[in-house]
Amino acid sequence: METLAVVLERPKQLTLRPVGLALPGPDDVVVEIDWSGVSTGTERLLWSGRMPPFPGLGYPLVPGYEGTGRVTEAGPRSGRAVGDRVFVPGSSGFVDAHGLFGASARTVVVPGKRVTPVPETTHVSESCLFALAATALHAVHRNGLPEVIVGHGVLGRLVARICLALGGIPPTVWEIDPTRRDGSSGYPVVDPTDDDRRDYVRALDVSGDAGILDQVIPRLGKGGSVVLAGFYADPVHFAFPAAFQREVTLLVAAEWHPDDLAAVSRMVAEGRLSLSGLITHTVSAREAPDAYRRAFEDPACLKMVLDWRDTDA
C-alpha cells in the first residue's frame, strides 16, 4: 500500500511524495484524509529543526495531527465502520518515514480507538480543529477558567470560546500584534500595555514565548497562578522576586486526553462551541511546500488547512 504524503526530508526541506503504508490489522482502520491542518507551533519546530528531543522524532517524517476524513476499511476489532466520518490525530503507519505526528497524508492506517467520530453537522474542514479545541479544553481543566489569556492565535481564541461555552465570565485576552486583535466574540482583546489590572488570579499562556512569565507574573495577585499551555522550545525562565512576593503557582498543560477530544466533539455537535472563522487559508495539498512556508511566515495566516481531495487525480 502507498499514499501521497507531506514529508519533511530534513529540517527546512519539505516535499509531497509517495510513502509506503503498513498493512492494516484487525484493530485498525484505513482513513482517506480530506483535510489536514498545519500547526504553527510543533510543526514549525519540526520544519526548522528546533524541536526538542521527542519520542518518535526522526527524519524523514510525516507531520500533522489534525486530519479529518472517511473510513474506507475497518478491521473487525476496530470499533468503526466503513463510511464513518472521523478525526485523525496522527498515524505511525508508514513503512519508510517516521510518523510525527503523521496525519498529513491522503491515506492513513491507524488504530480504530485513536479516531474520533465527527458529527455530520460539523463543517468538514473545521473538524481539523478538534485537536486544538481539545488542547484548549485540557488547559482550561488544568486550573479552572482563566481570567486572562496570553495570545490570540487559534488556540487562544478556542480557550476564550470554551470559557464562554462553559458559562464563565468573559476572559481578557492579551495580544501584541494589532492584526490579530480582531475576530473576538464576546470577550475583550487588548494590548497588554493597555491593561492596568494587577490582581489576576488565573492566567493561561498560549504564546509559546519562553520569557512570557516576566510579563504575566507582575500582573497577578497574591496566590495567583499561570498555566503554560504553549509549546516552548527554549528554557522557560522568569525573575524570582516577583513570583516569590506573590507565591505564584506555575502549572503545565500537556496534550489533550481522549476524554477532552470526545467532550469538544459533543460541544460542537450541541452548538455550544463554534469553530467558525478560525481557518483563514485553504490550499490544495499539491501546493503543500508553499502552504507550509506561508503558514509559518505570513502573519495574516491564522490557520492553514490542506485540501487532499484532488490528489487522487
Protein backbone atom coordinates (compact mmCIF):
# COMPACT_ATOMS: atom_id res chain seq x y z
CA MET A 1 0.00 0.00 0.00
CA GLU A 2 1.16 3.51 -0.79
CA THR A 3 -0.10 7.05 -0.31
CA LEU A 4 0.82 10.63 -1.11
CA ALA A 5 2.08 12.46 1.98
CA VAL A 6 3.77 15.61 3.17
CA VAL A 7 7.31 14.59 4.11
CA LEU A 8 9.92 16.58 5.97
CA GLU A 9 13.06 15.02 4.48
CA ARG A 10 15.19 17.06 6.85
CA PRO A 11 14.81 20.47 8.51
CA LYS A 12 13.62 23.11 6.02
CA GLN A 13 13.22 20.56 3.22
CA LEU A 14 9.57 19.64 2.76
CA THR A 15 8.21 17.63 -0.16
CA LEU A 16 4.99 15.97 -1.28
CA ARG A 17 5.74 12.41 -2.34
CA PRO A 18 4.56 8.78 -2.12
CA VAL A 19 5.29 6.84 1.06
CA GLY A 20 4.59 3.23 1.94
CA LEU A 21 1.77 2.24 4.30
CA ALA A 22 1.78 -0.60 6.78
CA LEU A 23 -0.85 -3.27 6.21
CA PRO A 24 -3.85 -2.69 8.48
CA GLY A 25 -4.60 -5.20 11.22
CA PRO A 26 -7.90 -6.26 12.80
CA ASP A 27 -7.80 -3.30 15.22
CA ASP A 28 -7.04 -0.74 12.51
CA VAL A 29 -8.95 1.49 10.15
CA VAL A 30 -7.87 2.96 6.85
CA VAL A 31 -8.93 6.59 6.53
CA GLU A 32 -8.96 8.68 3.39
CA ILE A 33 -7.99 12.14 4.59
CA ASP A 34 -9.89 15.04 3.04
CA TRP A 35 -8.45 17.90 5.09
CA SER A 36 -5.44 18.37 7.35
CA GLY A 37 -4.32 21.37 9.36
CA VAL A 38 -0.85 22.87 9.65
CA SER A 39 0.36 23.58 13.18
CA THR A 40 2.37 26.78 13.53
CA GLY A 41 3.68 25.52 16.88
CA THR A 42 5.06 21.99 16.84
CA GLU A 43 5.24 21.66 13.05
CA ARG A 44 7.17 24.91 12.77
CA LEU A 45 9.70 23.45 15.22
CA LEU A 46 9.91 20.23 13.20
CA TRP A 47 10.39 22.23 10.00
CA SER A 48 13.06 24.49 11.49
CA GLY A 49 14.90 21.65 13.23
CA ARG A 50 14.39 23.27 16.66
CA MET A 51 12.08 20.57 18.02
CA PRO A 52 13.45 19.34 21.35
CA PRO A 53 14.01 15.56 21.73
CA PHE A 54 10.62 13.91 21.38
CA PRO A 55 9.50 10.24 21.21
CA GLY A 56 9.43 9.14 17.58
CA LEU A 57 11.35 12.15 16.29
CA GLY A 58 13.46 11.43 13.23
CA TYR A 59 13.70 12.37 9.56
CA PRO A 60 12.20 11.79 7.08
CA LEU A 61 8.89 12.27 8.85
CA VAL A 62 5.23 12.81 8.04
CA PRO A 63 3.95 15.68 10.21
CA GLY A 64 0.43 16.63 11.22
CA TYR A 65 -2.04 15.82 13.98
CA GLU A 66 -5.15 17.47 12.51
CA GLY A 67 -6.64 15.20 9.86
CA THR A 68 -10.26 14.50 9.04
CA GLY A 69 -11.81 12.13 6.51
CA ARG A 70 -13.77 8.91 5.93
CA VAL A 71 -13.08 5.33 6.93
CA THR A 72 -12.57 3.23 3.79
CA GLU A 73 -11.59 -0.02 5.55
CA ALA A 74 -12.43 -1.12 9.08
CA GLY A 75 -10.90 -4.08 10.89
CA PRO A 76 -13.29 -6.41 12.74
CA ARG A 77 -11.97 -5.21 16.13
CA SER A 78 -11.61 -1.53 15.19
CA GLY A 79 -14.96 -0.40 16.56
CA ARG A 80 -15.56 1.62 13.39
CA ALA A 81 -17.43 1.14 10.14
CA VAL A 82 -16.74 1.95 6.52
CA GLY A 83 -18.13 5.40 5.77
CA ASP A 84 -17.61 6.79 9.27
CA ARG A 85 -16.51 10.39 9.25
CA VAL A 86 -13.64 10.72 11.72
CA PHE A 87 -10.97 12.98 13.13
CA VAL A 88 -7.45 11.52 12.98
CA PRO A 89 -4.87 12.87 15.48
CA GLY A 90 -1.99 11.25 13.64
CA SER A 91 -0.63 7.94 12.41
CA SER A 92 2.57 5.94 12.73
CA GLY A 93 1.54 3.52 9.99
CA PHE A 94 4.26 4.38 7.47
CA VAL A 95 6.99 1.96 6.45
CA ASP A 96 9.59 4.35 5.06
CA ALA A 97 9.04 7.53 7.10
CA HIS A 98 8.56 8.43 10.74
CA GLY A 99 5.02 9.37 11.75
CA LEU A 100 5.38 12.51 13.86
CA PHE A 101 2.58 13.04 14.05
CA GLY A 102 1.55 11.55 10.73
CA ALA A 103 -1.85 12.93 9.69
CA SER A 104 -0.74 14.96 6.66
CA ALA A 105 -1.27 12.25 4.05
CA ARG A 106 -4.04 11.27 1.66
CA THR A 107 -4.47 7.85 3.29
CA VAL A 108 -3.51 6.74 6.79
CA VAL A 109 -3.62 3.48 8.74
CA VAL A 110 -4.46 4.00 12.39
CA PRO A 111 -5.97 2.02 15.29
CA GLY A 112 -9.73 2.48 15.39
CA LYS A 113 -9.57 3.53 19.04
CA ARG A 114 -7.43 6.52 18.04
CA VAL A 115 -10.01 8.17 15.78
CA THR A 116 -12.96 10.25 16.93
CA PRO A 117 -16.33 10.41 15.15
CA VAL A 118 -17.09 13.80 13.63
CA PRO A 119 -20.73 14.96 13.74
CA GLU A 120 -22.17 15.18 10.25
CA THR A 121 -23.41 18.66 11.12
CA THR A 122 -19.83 19.91 11.56
CA HIS A 123 -18.30 21.74 8.61
CA VAL A 124 -15.80 19.25 7.21
CA SER A 125 -12.67 21.41 7.15
CA GLU A 126 -13.45 22.90 10.59
CA SER A 127 -13.25 19.45 12.15
CA CYS A 128 -9.47 19.71 11.63
CA LEU A 129 -9.58 21.99 14.66
CA PHE A 130 -10.74 19.27 17.06
CA ALA A 131 -7.23 18.63 18.42
CA LEU A 132 -6.62 22.31 19.14
CA ALA A 133 -10.05 22.60 20.75
CA ALA A 134 -9.29 19.55 22.90
CA THR A 135 -5.92 21.08 23.84
CA ALA A 136 -7.70 24.29 24.83
CA LEU A 137 -10.23 22.39 26.94
CA HIS A 138 -7.47 20.37 28.62
CA ALA A 139 -5.62 23.59 29.50
CA VAL A 140 -8.78 25.11 30.98
CA HIS A 141 -9.40 21.99 33.06
CA ARG A 142 -5.83 22.16 34.36
CA ASN A 143 -6.59 25.11 36.66
CA GLY A 144 -10.13 26.31 36.06
CA LEU A 145 -11.40 29.15 33.89
CA PRO A 146 -8.66 31.74 33.26
CA GLU A 147 -9.27 35.43 33.78
CA VAL A 148 -6.56 36.44 31.31
CA ILE A 149 -5.31 34.57 28.23
CA VAL A 150 -1.98 35.47 26.63
CA GLY A 151 -2.15 35.17 22.85
CA HIS A 152 -5.00 35.49 20.34
CA GLY A 153 -3.96 32.87 17.81
CA VAL A 154 -6.25 29.92 17.11
CA LEU A 155 -5.52 28.24 20.44
CA GLY A 156 -6.11 31.43 22.42
CA ARG A 157 -9.39 32.03 20.61
CA LEU A 158 -10.51 28.48 21.34
CA VAL A 159 -9.66 28.86 25.04
CA ALA A 160 -11.74 32.06 25.16
CA ARG A 161 -14.66 30.42 23.34
CA ILE A 162 -14.55 27.43 25.67
CA CYS A 163 -14.59 29.73 28.70
CA LEU A 164 -17.81 31.27 27.38
CA ALA A 165 -19.26 27.88 26.42
CA LEU A 166 -18.70 26.70 30.00
CA GLY A 167 -20.57 29.71 31.36
CA GLY A 168 -17.56 31.65 32.59
CA ILE A 169 -17.06 35.39 32.80
CA PRO A 170 -15.54 36.65 29.52
CA PRO A 171 -11.75 36.47 29.89
CA THR A 172 -9.41 39.26 28.85
CA VAL A 173 -7.06 38.27 26.02
CA TRP A 174 -3.68 39.91 25.54
CA GLU A 175 -2.32 40.24 22.01
CA ILE A 176 0.67 42.37 21.00
CA ASP A 177 0.03 42.02 17.24
CA PRO A 178 -2.66 44.56 16.26
CA THR A 179 -3.61 42.47 13.20
CA ARG A 180 -4.67 39.63 15.49
CA ARG A 181 -6.87 41.61 17.84
CA ASP A 182 -9.88 41.28 15.57
CA GLY A 183 -12.13 38.24 15.47
CA SER A 184 -13.18 38.09 19.11
CA SER A 185 -16.72 37.20 20.03
CA GLY A 186 -17.96 38.15 23.49
CA TYR A 187 -14.58 38.87 25.12
CA PRO A 188 -12.10 41.80 25.00
CA VAL A 189 -8.73 41.61 23.23
CA VAL A 190 -6.21 44.26 24.26
CA ASP A 191 -2.56 45.17 24.10
CA PRO A 192 -1.15 44.09 27.49
CA THR A 193 0.36 47.56 27.97
CA ASP A 194 -3.19 48.97 27.95
CA ASP A 195 -4.35 46.64 30.72
CA ASP A 196 -3.94 48.22 34.17
CA ARG A 197 -5.17 45.26 36.18
CA ARG A 198 -2.70 43.81 38.71
CA ASP A 199 -4.81 41.29 40.59
CA TYR A 200 -5.45 38.43 38.19
CA VAL A 201 -5.92 35.11 39.95
CA ARG A 202 -5.66 32.71 36.99
CA ALA A 203 -3.67 33.33 33.82
CA LEU A 204 -3.19 30.99 30.86
CA ASP A 205 -0.44 31.42 28.28
CA VAL A 206 -0.61 30.05 24.74
CA SER A 207 2.04 32.30 23.24
CA GLY A 208 4.94 29.84 23.34
CA ASP A 209 7.20 32.71 24.43
CA ALA A 210 9.76 31.29 26.88
CA GLY A 211 10.15 34.70 28.55
CA ILE A 212 6.45 35.47 28.93
CA LEU A 213 6.33 34.87 32.70
CA ASP A 214 8.13 38.14 33.41
CA GLN A 215 5.19 39.93 31.78
CA VAL A 216 2.46 37.83 33.40
CA ILE A 217 3.62 37.35 37.00
CA PRO A 218 3.68 41.07 37.91
CA ARG A 219 0.01 41.26 36.87
CA LEU A 220 -1.08 38.56 39.32
CA GLY A 221 -2.48 39.00 42.78
CA LYS A 222 -1.29 37.15 45.88
CA GLY A 223 -1.51 33.39 45.31
CA GLY A 224 -2.08 33.80 41.58
CA SER A 225 -1.34 31.04 39.08
CA VAL A 226 -0.21 30.62 35.49
CA VAL A 227 -0.89 27.68 33.19
CA LEU A 228 1.72 27.24 30.46
CA ALA A 229 -0.24 25.79 27.55
CA GLY A 230 2.01 26.71 24.64
CA PHE A 231 4.97 24.64 23.42
CA TYR A 232 8.30 26.14 24.44
CA ALA A 233 11.42 25.18 22.51
CA ASP A 234 13.67 27.29 24.75
CA PRO A 235 14.02 27.00 28.54
CA VAL A 236 11.20 28.86 30.28
CA HIS A 237 12.63 31.50 32.62
CA PHE A 238 11.44 34.20 34.97
CA ALA A 239 12.72 36.59 37.62
CA PHE A 240 12.17 35.02 41.02
CA PRO A 241 11.42 38.04 43.28
CA ALA A 242 8.03 38.89 41.75
CA ALA A 243 6.96 35.24 41.88
CA PHE A 244 8.20 34.96 45.48
CA GLN A 245 6.26 38.03 46.61
CA ARG A 246 3.04 36.66 45.15
CA GLU A 247 3.62 32.99 45.99
CA VAL A 248 2.80 32.16 42.39
CA THR A 249 1.82 28.67 41.27
CA LEU A 250 3.08 27.53 37.85
CA LEU A 251 1.35 24.67 36.03
CA VAL A 252 1.98 22.97 32.70
CA ALA A 253 -0.79 21.73 30.42
CA ALA A 254 0.33 18.94 28.13
CA GLU A 255 -1.53 17.44 25.20
CA TRP A 256 -5.20 16.61 25.29
CA HIS A 257 -6.65 13.34 26.54
CA PRO A 258 -9.21 11.24 24.65
CA ASP A 259 -11.93 12.49 27.02
CA ASP A 260 -11.10 16.07 26.00
CA LEU A 261 -11.50 15.22 22.32
CA ALA A 262 -14.83 13.48 22.96
CA ALA A 263 -16.01 16.46 25.02
CA VAL A 264 -15.28 19.07 22.35
CA SER A 265 -16.93 16.86 19.73
CA ARG A 266 -20.08 16.90 21.88
CA MET A 267 -19.84 20.64 22.45
CA VAL A 268 -19.61 21.25 18.71
CA ALA A 269 -22.46 18.85 17.95
CA GLU A 270 -24.65 20.56 20.56
CA GLY A 271 -23.88 24.01 19.17
CA ARG A 272 -22.19 25.15 22.36
CA LEU A 273 -18.76 25.60 20.73
CA SER A 274 -18.26 27.21 17.34
CA LEU A 275 -15.18 26.51 15.22
CA SER A 276 -16.12 29.03 12.54
CA GLY A 277 -13.91 31.90 11.45
CA LEU A 278 -10.64 30.31 12.60
CA ILE A 279 -9.41 28.88 9.27
CA THR A 280 -8.04 31.74 7.17
CA HIS A 281 -6.30 29.82 4.38
CA THR A 282 -7.26 26.65 2.49
CA VAL A 283 -4.85 25.33 -0.15
CA SER A 284 -4.64 22.19 -2.28
CA ALA A 285 -2.32 19.61 -0.74
CA ARG A 286 -0.49 19.63 -4.08
CA GLU A 287 0.84 23.04 -3.03
CA ALA A 288 1.98 21.83 0.39
CA PRO A 289 5.57 23.19 0.30
CA ASP A 290 4.34 26.73 -0.41
CA ALA A 291 1.42 26.32 2.01
CA TYR A 292 3.72 25.39 4.88
CA ARG A 293 6.02 28.32 4.21
CA ARG A 294 3.06 30.67 4.18
CA ALA A 295 1.63 29.18 7.37
CA PHE A 296 4.94 29.78 9.14
CA GLU A 297 5.91 33.14 7.64
CA ASP A 298 2.70 35.08 6.86
CA PRO A 299 1.35 36.85 10.00
CA ALA A 300 -2.06 37.08 8.30
CA CYS A 301 -2.30 33.29 8.15
CA LEU A 302 -4.10 32.34 11.33
CA LYS A 303 -4.74 28.74 10.30
CA MET A 304 -3.70 26.88 7.14
CA VAL A 305 -5.62 23.80 6.01
CA LEU A 306 -4.63 21.44 3.18
CA ASP A 307 -7.32 20.05 0.87
CA TRP A 308 -6.41 16.47 -0.15
CA ARG A 309 -9.48 15.69 -2.22
CA ASP A 310 -7.90 16.34 -5.63
CA THR A 311 -4.66 14.42 -5.03
CA ASP A 312 -6.04 11.16 -6.46
CA ALA A 313 -6.26 12.61 -9.96
